[in-house]
Amino acid sequence: MKERKSTLYLYEALELRAEYDGRIKTLKDCLPETKQNRDRFSFGRDDEGIRRPSPDFDVASARKELRKLELKRRKLNNSIQQANFNHFIDFKADSITLNEALETRKALNEQIGEFHNQVMNSAYQRVIYKEGRDIVEENEISYTDSVRDLEKARLAFRELNRKLRLASFETLVDFQDE
């Protein structure tokens, strides 16, 4: 079959990669060497009798199809990565690649988790009862400041996520499907 050059939008390429992942998982799960199937597909006897491949399931063909799909997935993933490095978006007055934007989104998500913990800790003061009186330890960061920092991080995450989604509908990915 001739190779044809087809161009996909980034969101289509991501959907196709997810589809390939599902197909690969299904084929792997059917192969006898898969860990979960070692006992099930052993050609010995057990309480339920002998288990063997169905007449319409060809293990060799399944392995061949699996190798083909894994190769297509690698090629598609490389094309996606190339598009991520070549396409730029504007974020906070900077022009950054999609790859940098994805890393920034990941860091913002971690930062949101840290700010969440900070808000929880600053919501209450620690009170220690010592020598007949209460000693109140002041929070390192006030509750109001913690909430403000969390809100800023959430808004930045939302803005970046929207720009990434929009870019996925604008960015083209070159992918050769056999």
N, C-alpha and C. Protein backbone atom coordinates (compact mmCIF):
# COMPACT_ATOMS: atom_id res chain seq x y z
N MET A 1 0.84 -1.16 0.00
CA MET A 1 0.00 0.00 0.00
C MET A 1 0.90 1.24 0.00
N LYS A 2 0.55 2.23 -0.78
CA LYS A 2 1.33 3.46 -0.84
C LYS A 2 1.12 4.26 0.44
N GLU A 3 2.23 4.89 0.86
CA GLU A 3 2.10 5.78 2.01
C GLU A 3 1.52 7.09 1.52
N ARG A 4 0.58 7.59 2.27
CA ARG A 4 0.01 8.87 1.89
C ARG A 4 0.24 9.83 3.04
N LYS A 5 0.55 11.03 2.70
CA LYS A 5 0.81 12.05 3.70
C LYS A 5 -0.54 12.67 4.09
N SER A 6 -0.85 12.57 5.33
CA SER A 6 -2.08 13.18 5.80
C SER A 6 -1.74 14.13 6.95
N THR A 7 -2.43 15.21 6.99
CA THR A 7 -2.21 16.19 8.05
C THR A 7 -3.38 16.14 9.01
N LEU A 8 -3.06 16.09 10.27
CA LEU A 8 -4.08 16.06 11.31
C LEU A 8 -3.91 17.30 12.19
N TYR A 9 -5.00 17.75 12.76
CA TYR A 9 -4.89 18.75 13.80
C TYR A 9 -4.38 18.05 15.05
N LEU A 10 -3.77 18.81 15.92
CA LEU A 10 -3.18 18.23 17.13
C LEU A 10 -4.21 17.45 17.95
N TYR A 11 -5.41 17.99 18.10
CA TYR A 11 -6.42 17.28 18.89
C TYR A 11 -6.77 15.94 18.24
N GLU A 12 -6.78 15.89 16.89
CA GLU A 12 -7.05 14.62 16.20
C GLU A 12 -5.91 13.63 16.41
N ALA A 13 -4.69 14.15 16.38
CA ALA A 13 -3.53 13.29 16.60
C ALA A 13 -3.53 12.72 18.02
N LEU A 14 -3.92 13.54 18.99
CA LEU A 14 -3.99 13.06 20.38
C LEU A 14 -5.07 12.00 20.54
N GLU A 15 -6.21 12.19 19.86
CA GLU A 15 -7.28 11.19 19.89
C GLU A 15 -6.82 9.89 19.24
N LEU A 16 -6.09 10.01 18.11
CA LEU A 16 -5.60 8.83 17.42
C LEU A 16 -4.59 8.08 18.28
N ARG A 17 -3.73 8.82 18.98
CA ARG A 17 -2.76 8.18 19.87
C ARG A 17 -3.48 7.41 20.98
N ALA A 18 -4.52 8.00 21.53
CA ALA A 18 -5.30 7.31 22.57
C ALA A 18 -5.96 6.06 22.00
N GLU A 19 -6.44 6.14 20.76
CA GLU A 19 -7.04 4.96 20.11
C GLU A 19 -5.99 3.87 19.92
N TYR A 20 -4.80 4.26 19.46
CA TYR A 20 -3.71 3.28 19.31
C TYR A 20 -3.38 2.65 20.66
N ASP A 21 -3.34 3.45 21.72
CA ASP A 21 -3.06 2.91 23.05
C ASP A 21 -4.09 1.84 23.44
N GLY A 22 -5.35 2.13 23.16
CA GLY A 22 -6.41 1.16 23.47
C GLY A 22 -6.27 -0.12 22.67
N ARG A 23 -5.97 0.01 21.38
CA ARG A 23 -5.79 -1.18 20.53
C ARG A 23 -4.59 -2.00 20.97
N ILE A 24 -3.51 -1.31 21.32
CA ILE A 24 -2.29 -2.00 21.78
C ILE A 24 -2.58 -2.75 23.06
N LYS A 25 -3.29 -2.13 23.98
CA LYS A 25 -3.62 -2.78 25.26
C LYS A 25 -4.47 -4.03 25.02
N THR A 26 -5.45 -3.91 24.13
CA THR A 26 -6.31 -5.06 23.85
C THR A 26 -5.51 -6.22 23.28
N LEU A 27 -4.65 -5.94 22.30
CA LEU A 27 -3.84 -7.01 21.71
C LEU A 27 -2.88 -7.61 22.74
N LYS A 28 -2.24 -6.78 23.53
CA LYS A 28 -1.32 -7.29 24.55
C LYS A 28 -2.06 -8.18 25.54
N ASP A 29 -3.26 -7.78 25.93
CA ASP A 29 -4.02 -8.55 26.90
C ASP A 29 -4.46 -9.91 26.35
N CYS A 30 -4.53 -10.03 25.04
CA CYS A 30 -4.93 -11.31 24.44
C CYS A 30 -3.76 -12.28 24.26
N LEU A 31 -2.54 -11.79 24.28
CA LEU A 31 -1.38 -12.65 24.06
C LEU A 31 -1.10 -13.53 25.28
N PRO A 32 -0.71 -14.76 25.02
CA PRO A 32 -0.49 -15.69 26.14
C PRO A 32 0.67 -15.28 27.05
N GLU A 33 1.64 -14.55 26.54
CA GLU A 33 2.78 -14.17 27.37
C GLU A 33 2.49 -13.01 28.32
N THR A 34 1.34 -12.39 28.16
CA THR A 34 0.96 -11.32 29.08
C THR A 34 0.81 -11.92 30.47
N LYS A 35 1.33 -11.23 31.45
CA LYS A 35 1.39 -11.76 32.82
C LYS A 35 0.03 -12.27 33.30
N GLN A 36 -1.04 -11.50 33.04
CA GLN A 36 -2.36 -11.91 33.54
C GLN A 36 -2.87 -13.16 32.83
N ASN A 37 -2.32 -13.48 31.66
CA ASN A 37 -2.80 -14.64 30.91
C ASN A 37 -1.92 -15.87 31.05
N ARG A 38 -0.77 -15.75 31.70
CA ARG A 38 0.14 -16.90 31.80
C ARG A 38 -0.56 -18.12 32.38
N ASP A 39 -1.29 -17.90 33.47
CA ASP A 39 -1.97 -19.02 34.09
C ASP A 39 -3.21 -19.42 33.29
N ARG A 40 -3.93 -18.42 32.77
CA ARG A 40 -5.17 -18.69 32.04
C ARG A 40 -4.92 -19.46 30.75
N PHE A 41 -3.85 -19.09 30.03
CA PHE A 41 -3.60 -19.70 28.73
C PHE A 41 -2.56 -20.80 28.78
N SER A 42 -2.23 -21.27 29.96
CA SER A 42 -1.30 -22.39 30.00
C SER A 42 -2.00 -23.57 29.34
N PHE A 43 -1.24 -24.29 28.64
CA PHE A 43 -1.84 -25.38 27.86
C PHE A 43 -1.98 -26.65 28.70
N GLY A 44 -1.91 -26.48 29.98
CA GLY A 44 -2.13 -27.60 30.89
C GLY A 44 -3.58 -27.63 31.34
N ARG A 45 -3.85 -28.52 32.24
CA ARG A 45 -5.22 -28.64 32.76
C ARG A 45 -5.32 -27.92 34.09
N ASP A 46 -6.50 -27.43 34.36
CA ASP A 46 -6.81 -26.87 35.66
C ASP A 46 -8.22 -27.32 36.02
N ASP A 47 -8.80 -26.70 37.03
CA ASP A 47 -10.14 -27.09 37.47
C ASP A 47 -11.19 -26.89 36.39
N GLU A 48 -10.96 -25.93 35.51
CA GLU A 48 -11.94 -25.63 34.48
C GLU A 48 -11.68 -26.38 33.18
N GLY A 49 -10.58 -27.11 33.09
CA GLY A 49 -10.25 -27.83 31.87
C GLY A 49 -9.09 -27.17 31.15
N ILE A 50 -8.92 -27.53 29.90
CA ILE A 50 -7.83 -27.00 29.09
C ILE A 50 -8.27 -25.70 28.43
N ARG A 51 -7.37 -24.72 28.41
CA ARG A 51 -7.64 -23.46 27.71
C ARG A 51 -6.65 -23.36 26.56
N ARG A 52 -7.16 -23.02 25.42
CA ARG A 52 -6.31 -22.82 24.26
C ARG A 52 -6.92 -21.71 23.41
N PRO A 53 -6.11 -21.13 22.52
CA PRO A 53 -6.63 -20.04 21.69
C PRO A 53 -7.82 -20.50 20.85
N SER A 54 -8.76 -19.60 20.64
CA SER A 54 -9.91 -19.89 19.79
C SER A 54 -9.43 -20.11 18.36
N PRO A 55 -10.21 -20.88 17.58
CA PRO A 55 -9.80 -21.15 16.19
C PRO A 55 -9.66 -19.87 15.35
N ASP A 56 -10.43 -18.84 15.65
CA ASP A 56 -10.36 -17.62 14.85
C ASP A 56 -9.40 -16.58 15.43
N PHE A 57 -8.62 -16.95 16.46
CA PHE A 57 -7.61 -16.06 17.02
C PHE A 57 -6.24 -16.62 16.69
N ASP A 58 -5.47 -15.87 15.89
CA ASP A 58 -4.13 -16.28 15.49
C ASP A 58 -3.12 -15.46 16.30
N VAL A 59 -2.39 -16.14 17.17
CA VAL A 59 -1.44 -15.48 18.05
C VAL A 59 -0.35 -14.78 17.24
N ALA A 60 0.15 -15.43 16.18
CA ALA A 60 1.21 -14.83 15.36
C ALA A 60 0.71 -13.56 14.68
N SER A 61 -0.51 -13.58 14.17
CA SER A 61 -1.08 -12.38 13.53
C SER A 61 -1.29 -11.26 14.55
N ALA A 62 -1.70 -11.62 15.74
CA ALA A 62 -1.90 -10.63 16.79
C ALA A 62 -0.57 -9.97 17.16
N ARG A 63 0.49 -10.76 17.25
CA ARG A 63 1.82 -10.19 17.55
C ARG A 63 2.28 -9.26 16.43
N LYS A 64 2.03 -9.68 15.19
CA LYS A 64 2.42 -8.86 14.03
C LYS A 64 1.66 -7.53 14.05
N GLU A 65 0.36 -7.60 14.29
CA GLU A 65 -0.47 -6.39 14.35
C GLU A 65 -0.03 -5.50 15.51
N LEU A 66 0.34 -6.10 16.64
CA LEU A 66 0.81 -5.35 17.79
C LEU A 66 2.08 -4.58 17.45
N ARG A 67 3.05 -5.25 16.81
CA ARG A 67 4.29 -4.56 16.42
C ARG A 67 4.00 -3.41 15.46
N LYS A 68 3.08 -3.63 14.53
CA LYS A 68 2.72 -2.60 13.56
C LYS A 68 2.09 -1.39 14.27
N LEU A 69 1.18 -1.65 15.19
CA LEU A 69 0.53 -0.56 15.93
C LEU A 69 1.51 0.20 16.82
N GLU A 70 2.43 -0.53 17.46
CA GLU A 70 3.42 0.13 18.31
C GLU A 70 4.32 1.04 17.48
N LEU A 71 4.68 0.62 16.28
CA LEU A 71 5.50 1.44 15.39
C LEU A 71 4.72 2.68 14.96
N LYS A 72 3.46 2.51 14.59
CA LYS A 72 2.63 3.66 14.19
C LYS A 72 2.48 4.64 15.36
N ARG A 73 2.32 4.12 16.56
CA ARG A 73 2.17 4.99 17.73
C ARG A 73 3.44 5.79 17.97
N ARG A 74 4.61 5.14 17.84
CA ARG A 74 5.87 5.85 18.01
C ARG A 74 6.03 6.96 16.97
N LYS A 75 5.69 6.66 15.71
CA LYS A 75 5.78 7.66 14.65
C LYS A 75 4.83 8.82 14.93
N LEU A 76 3.61 8.50 15.33
CA LEU A 76 2.63 9.53 15.65
C LEU A 76 3.09 10.38 16.83
N ASN A 77 3.62 9.74 17.84
CA ASN A 77 4.09 10.46 19.02
C ASN A 77 5.24 11.40 18.65
N ASN A 78 6.14 10.95 17.78
CA ASN A 78 7.23 11.82 17.33
C ASN A 78 6.69 13.03 16.58
N SER A 79 5.68 12.83 15.76
CA SER A 79 5.06 13.93 15.02
C SER A 79 4.39 14.92 15.97
N ILE A 80 3.74 14.38 16.99
CA ILE A 80 3.10 15.24 18.00
C ILE A 80 4.15 16.07 18.73
N GLN A 81 5.25 15.42 19.12
CA GLN A 81 6.31 16.14 19.82
C GLN A 81 6.93 17.22 18.94
N GLN A 82 7.10 16.90 17.67
CA GLN A 82 7.65 17.88 16.74
C GLN A 82 6.73 19.09 16.64
N ALA A 83 5.44 18.85 16.54
CA ALA A 83 4.47 19.95 16.49
C ALA A 83 4.50 20.75 17.78
N ASN A 84 4.66 20.08 18.91
CA ASN A 84 4.72 20.78 20.20
C ASN A 84 5.93 21.70 20.30
N PHE A 85 7.02 21.34 19.63
CA PHE A 85 8.21 22.18 19.66
C PHE A 85 8.16 23.30 18.62
N ASN A 86 7.34 23.13 17.58
CA ASN A 86 7.31 24.11 16.49
C ASN A 86 6.21 25.16 16.63
N HIS A 87 5.18 24.88 17.41
CA HIS A 87 4.06 25.81 17.53
C HIS A 87 4.22 26.64 18.80
N PHE A 88 3.96 27.94 18.69
CA PHE A 88 4.11 28.86 19.82
C PHE A 88 2.77 29.44 20.22
N ILE A 89 2.64 29.71 21.53
CA ILE A 89 1.47 30.43 22.04
C ILE A 89 1.98 31.57 22.92
N ASP A 90 1.15 32.58 23.10
CA ASP A 90 1.48 33.69 23.99
C ASP A 90 0.90 33.42 25.36
N PHE A 91 1.77 33.52 26.38
CA PHE A 91 1.32 33.32 27.75
C PHE A 91 2.10 34.27 28.65
N LYS A 92 1.38 35.12 29.34
CA LYS A 92 1.97 36.11 30.25
C LYS A 92 3.05 36.94 29.54
N ALA A 93 2.71 37.48 28.40
CA ALA A 93 3.57 38.38 27.61
C ALA A 93 4.83 37.69 27.06
N ASP A 94 4.85 36.37 27.05
CA ASP A 94 5.95 35.61 26.46
C ASP A 94 5.41 34.70 25.37
N SER A 95 6.25 34.44 24.39
CA SER A 95 5.90 33.46 23.37
C SER A 95 6.63 32.17 23.72
N ILE A 96 5.85 31.12 24.00
CA ILE A 96 6.46 29.84 24.42
C ILE A 96 5.94 28.72 23.52
N THR A 97 6.75 27.67 23.39
CA THR A 97 6.32 26.52 22.59
C THR A 97 5.24 25.75 23.35
N LEU A 98 4.52 24.93 22.63
CA LEU A 98 3.51 24.09 23.28
C LEU A 98 4.16 23.18 24.31
N ASN A 99 5.37 22.71 24.00
CA ASN A 99 6.08 21.85 24.94
C ASN A 99 6.35 22.59 26.25
N GLU A 100 6.82 23.84 26.14
CA GLU A 100 7.05 24.65 27.34
C GLU A 100 5.74 24.93 28.06
N ALA A 101 4.68 25.14 27.29
CA ALA A 101 3.37 25.39 27.89
C ALA A 101 2.88 24.18 28.67
N LEU A 102 3.12 22.99 28.13
CA LEU A 102 2.71 21.77 28.83
C LEU A 102 3.49 21.60 30.13
N GLU A 103 4.79 21.90 30.08
CA GLU A 103 5.61 21.83 31.30
C GLU A 103 5.17 22.88 32.31
N THR A 104 4.82 24.07 31.83
CA THR A 104 4.35 25.14 32.70
C THR A 104 3.03 24.74 33.35
N ARG A 105 2.14 24.13 32.56
CA ARG A 105 0.84 23.69 33.10
C ARG A 105 1.05 22.65 34.20
N LYS A 106 1.98 21.73 33.97
CA LYS A 106 2.28 20.71 34.97
C LYS A 106 2.81 21.36 36.26
N ALA A 107 3.70 22.34 36.11
CA ALA A 107 4.25 23.03 37.29
C ALA A 107 3.16 23.83 38.00
N LEU A 108 2.28 24.48 37.24
CA LEU A 108 1.18 25.23 37.85
C LEU A 108 0.25 24.30 38.63
N ASN A 109 0.00 23.13 38.08
CA ASN A 109 -0.87 22.16 38.76
C ASN A 109 -0.25 21.73 40.09
N GLU A 110 1.06 21.50 40.10
CA GLU A 110 1.74 21.15 41.35
C GLU A 110 1.70 22.32 42.33
N GLN A 111 1.88 23.53 41.79
CA GLN A 111 1.84 24.73 42.63
C GLN A 111 0.45 24.91 43.25
N ILE A 112 -0.58 24.61 42.50
CA ILE A 112 -1.95 24.69 43.04
C ILE A 112 -2.11 23.75 44.22
N GLY A 113 -1.55 22.55 44.11
CA GLY A 113 -1.60 21.60 45.22
C GLY A 113 -0.88 22.13 46.46
N GLU A 114 0.27 22.77 46.23
CA GLU A 114 1.02 23.34 47.35
C GLU A 114 0.25 24.50 47.99
N PHE A 115 -0.33 25.37 47.15
CA PHE A 115 -1.11 26.49 47.68
C PHE A 115 -2.35 25.99 48.41
N HIS A 116 -2.94 24.92 47.93
CA HIS A 116 -4.10 24.34 48.61
C HIS A 116 -3.72 23.93 50.04
N ASN A 117 -2.59 23.25 50.17
CA ASN A 117 -2.11 22.84 51.49
C ASN A 117 -1.80 24.06 52.36
N GLN A 118 -1.25 25.10 51.73
CA GLN A 118 -0.93 26.33 52.45
C GLN A 118 -2.21 27.00 52.98
N VAL A 119 -3.26 27.00 52.16
CA VAL A 119 -4.54 27.58 52.60
C VAL A 119 -5.09 26.78 53.77
N MET A 120 -5.04 25.46 53.66
CA MET A 120 -5.54 24.61 54.76
C MET A 120 -4.78 24.88 56.05
N ASN A 121 -3.45 25.00 55.95
CA ASN A 121 -2.64 25.22 57.15
C ASN A 121 -2.85 26.61 57.73
N SER A 122 -3.07 27.60 56.87
CA SER A 122 -3.22 28.97 57.37
C SER A 122 -4.64 29.27 57.86
N ALA A 123 -5.57 28.35 57.63
CA ALA A 123 -6.95 28.57 58.07
C ALA A 123 -7.07 28.48 59.60
N TYR A 124 -6.13 27.82 60.23
CA TYR A 124 -6.18 27.66 61.69
C TYR A 124 -4.82 28.01 62.29
N GLN A 125 -4.86 28.61 63.46
CA GLN A 125 -3.64 28.90 64.19
C GLN A 125 -3.36 27.75 65.14
N ARG A 126 -2.11 27.54 65.41
CA ARG A 126 -1.73 26.49 66.35
C ARG A 126 -1.70 27.08 67.75
N VAL A 127 -2.41 26.43 68.65
CA VAL A 127 -2.49 26.90 70.03
C VAL A 127 -1.89 25.82 70.92
N ILE A 128 -0.90 26.24 71.71
CA ILE A 128 -0.24 25.32 72.63
C ILE A 128 -0.56 25.76 74.06
N TYR A 129 -1.05 24.83 74.85
CA TYR A 129 -1.35 25.12 76.25
C TYR A 129 -0.09 24.81 77.04
N LYS A 130 0.47 25.88 77.68
CA LYS A 130 1.72 25.69 78.41
C LYS A 130 1.70 26.55 79.67
N GLU A 131 1.99 25.94 80.78
CA GLU A 131 2.09 26.62 82.08
C GLU A 131 0.85 27.45 82.39
N GLY A 132 -0.30 26.86 82.14
CA GLY A 132 -1.55 27.48 82.53
C GLY A 132 -2.05 28.56 81.59
N ARG A 133 -1.42 28.72 80.46
CA ARG A 133 -1.93 29.72 79.51
C ARG A 133 -1.77 29.20 78.07
N ASP A 134 -2.51 29.83 77.17
CA ASP A 134 -2.44 29.45 75.75
C ASP A 134 -1.39 30.29 75.04
N ILE A 135 -0.56 29.61 74.29
CA ILE A 135 0.42 30.30 73.45
C ILE A 135 -0.02 30.08 72.01
N VAL A 136 -0.27 31.17 71.31
CA VAL A 136 -0.75 31.09 69.92
C VAL A 136 0.42 31.32 68.98
N GLU A 137 0.67 30.35 68.09
CA GLU A 137 1.70 30.50 67.07
C GLU A 137 1.06 31.13 65.83
N GLU A 138 1.60 32.23 65.41
CA GLU A 138 1.09 32.91 64.21
C GLU A 138 1.47 32.10 62.97
N ASN A 139 0.60 32.14 61.98
CA ASN A 139 0.89 31.46 60.71
C ASN A 139 1.98 32.21 59.96
N GLU A 140 2.80 31.46 59.23
CA GLU A 140 3.86 32.09 58.44
C GLU A 140 3.26 32.97 57.34
N ILE A 141 2.18 32.51 56.75
CA ILE A 141 1.49 33.25 55.69
C ILE A 141 0.04 33.36 56.10
N SER A 142 -0.51 34.54 55.96
CA SER A 142 -1.90 34.75 56.38
C SER A 142 -2.84 33.98 55.47
N TYR A 143 -4.01 33.71 56.02
CA TYR A 143 -5.04 33.00 55.25
C TYR A 143 -5.41 33.78 53.99
N THR A 144 -5.56 35.08 54.12
CA THR A 144 -5.95 35.92 52.98
C THR A 144 -4.90 35.86 51.87
N ASP A 145 -3.64 35.94 52.24
CA ASP A 145 -2.56 35.87 51.24
C ASP A 145 -2.51 34.49 50.58
N SER A 146 -2.74 33.45 51.37
CA SER A 146 -2.74 32.09 50.83
C SER A 146 -3.86 31.89 49.81
N VAL A 147 -5.05 32.38 50.15
CA VAL A 147 -6.19 32.26 49.23
C VAL A 147 -5.91 33.05 47.96
N ARG A 148 -5.34 34.25 48.10
CA ARG A 148 -5.03 35.08 46.93
C ARG A 148 -4.02 34.37 46.01
N ASP A 149 -2.97 33.77 46.60
CA ASP A 149 -1.96 33.05 45.80
C ASP A 149 -2.57 31.84 45.09
N LEU A 150 -3.44 31.13 45.81
CA LEU A 150 -4.11 29.97 45.21
C LEU A 150 -4.99 30.41 44.04
N GLU A 151 -5.73 31.48 44.23
CA GLU A 151 -6.62 31.96 43.18
C GLU A 151 -5.84 32.41 41.95
N LYS A 152 -4.72 33.10 42.16
CA LYS A 152 -3.87 33.53 41.03
C LYS A 152 -3.35 32.32 40.26
N ALA A 153 -2.92 31.30 40.97
CA ALA A 153 -2.41 30.10 40.31
C ALA A 153 -3.52 29.39 39.53
N ARG A 154 -4.71 29.32 40.12
CA ARG A 154 -5.84 28.68 39.43
C ARG A 154 -6.22 29.44 38.16
N LEU A 155 -6.23 30.76 38.23
CA LEU A 155 -6.56 31.56 37.06
C LEU A 155 -5.50 31.43 35.97
N ALA A 156 -4.24 31.38 36.36
CA ALA A 156 -3.15 31.18 35.39
C ALA A 156 -3.28 29.81 34.73
N PHE A 157 -3.59 28.79 35.54
CA PHE A 157 -3.78 27.44 35.01
C PHE A 157 -4.93 27.42 34.00
N ARG A 158 -6.04 28.07 34.35
CA ARG A 158 -7.21 28.11 33.47
C ARG A 158 -6.85 28.80 32.15
N GLU A 159 -6.17 29.94 32.24
CA GLU A 159 -5.79 30.68 31.04
C GLU A 159 -4.88 29.84 30.14
N LEU A 160 -3.88 29.21 30.74
CA LEU A 160 -2.95 28.39 29.96
C LEU A 160 -3.65 27.19 29.36
N ASN A 161 -4.51 26.56 30.12
CA ASN A 161 -5.23 25.38 29.62
C ASN A 161 -6.11 25.75 28.42
N ARG A 162 -6.78 26.90 28.49
CA ARG A 162 -7.61 27.34 27.37
C ARG A 162 -6.77 27.61 26.13
N LYS A 163 -5.61 28.21 26.31
CA LYS A 163 -4.73 28.48 25.18
C LYS A 163 -4.19 27.19 24.57
N LEU A 164 -3.90 26.21 25.41
CA LEU A 164 -3.44 24.92 24.91
C LEU A 164 -4.55 24.22 24.12
N ARG A 165 -5.76 24.27 24.62
CA ARG A 165 -6.89 23.65 23.90
C ARG A 165 -7.12 24.34 22.55
N LEU A 166 -7.06 25.65 22.54
CA LEU A 166 -7.22 26.39 21.29
C LEU A 166 -6.11 26.03 20.31
N ALA A 167 -4.90 25.93 20.81
CA ALA A 167 -3.76 25.57 19.95
C ALA A 167 -3.92 24.18 19.36
N SER A 168 -4.57 23.27 20.09
CA SER A 168 -4.76 21.91 19.57
C SER A 168 -5.69 21.89 18.36
N PHE A 169 -6.51 22.94 18.21
CA PHE A 169 -7.39 23.03 17.06
C PHE A 169 -6.75 23.83 15.92
N GLU A 170 -5.62 24.48 16.19
CA GLU A 170 -4.93 25.27 15.18
C GLU A 170 -3.66 24.61 14.68
N THR A 171 -3.04 23.78 15.50
CA THR A 171 -1.75 23.18 15.19
C THR A 171 -1.92 21.96 14.31
N LEU A 172 -1.13 21.90 13.24
CA LEU A 172 -1.17 20.75 12.35
C LEU A 172 -0.03 19.80 12.68
N VAL A 173 -0.32 18.51 12.58
CA VAL A 173 0.66 17.46 12.84
C VAL A 173 0.81 16.66 11.55
N ASP A 174 2.04 16.56 11.07
CA ASP A 174 2.30 15.73 9.88
C ASP A 174 2.46 14.29 10.33
N PHE A 175 1.62 13.44 9.78
CA PHE A 175 1.68 12.03 10.15
C PHE A 175 1.41 11.18 8.93
N GLN A 176 2.28 10.22 8.71
CA GLN A 176 2.12 9.31 7.58
C GLN A 176 1.47 8.03 8.09
N ASP A 177 0.30 7.77 7.62
CA ASP A 177 -0.42 6.56 8.01
C ASP A 177 -0.28 5.56 6.88
N GLU A 178 0.15 4.37 7.21
CA GLU A 178 0.32 3.35 6.16
C GLU A 178 -1.01 2.72 5.81
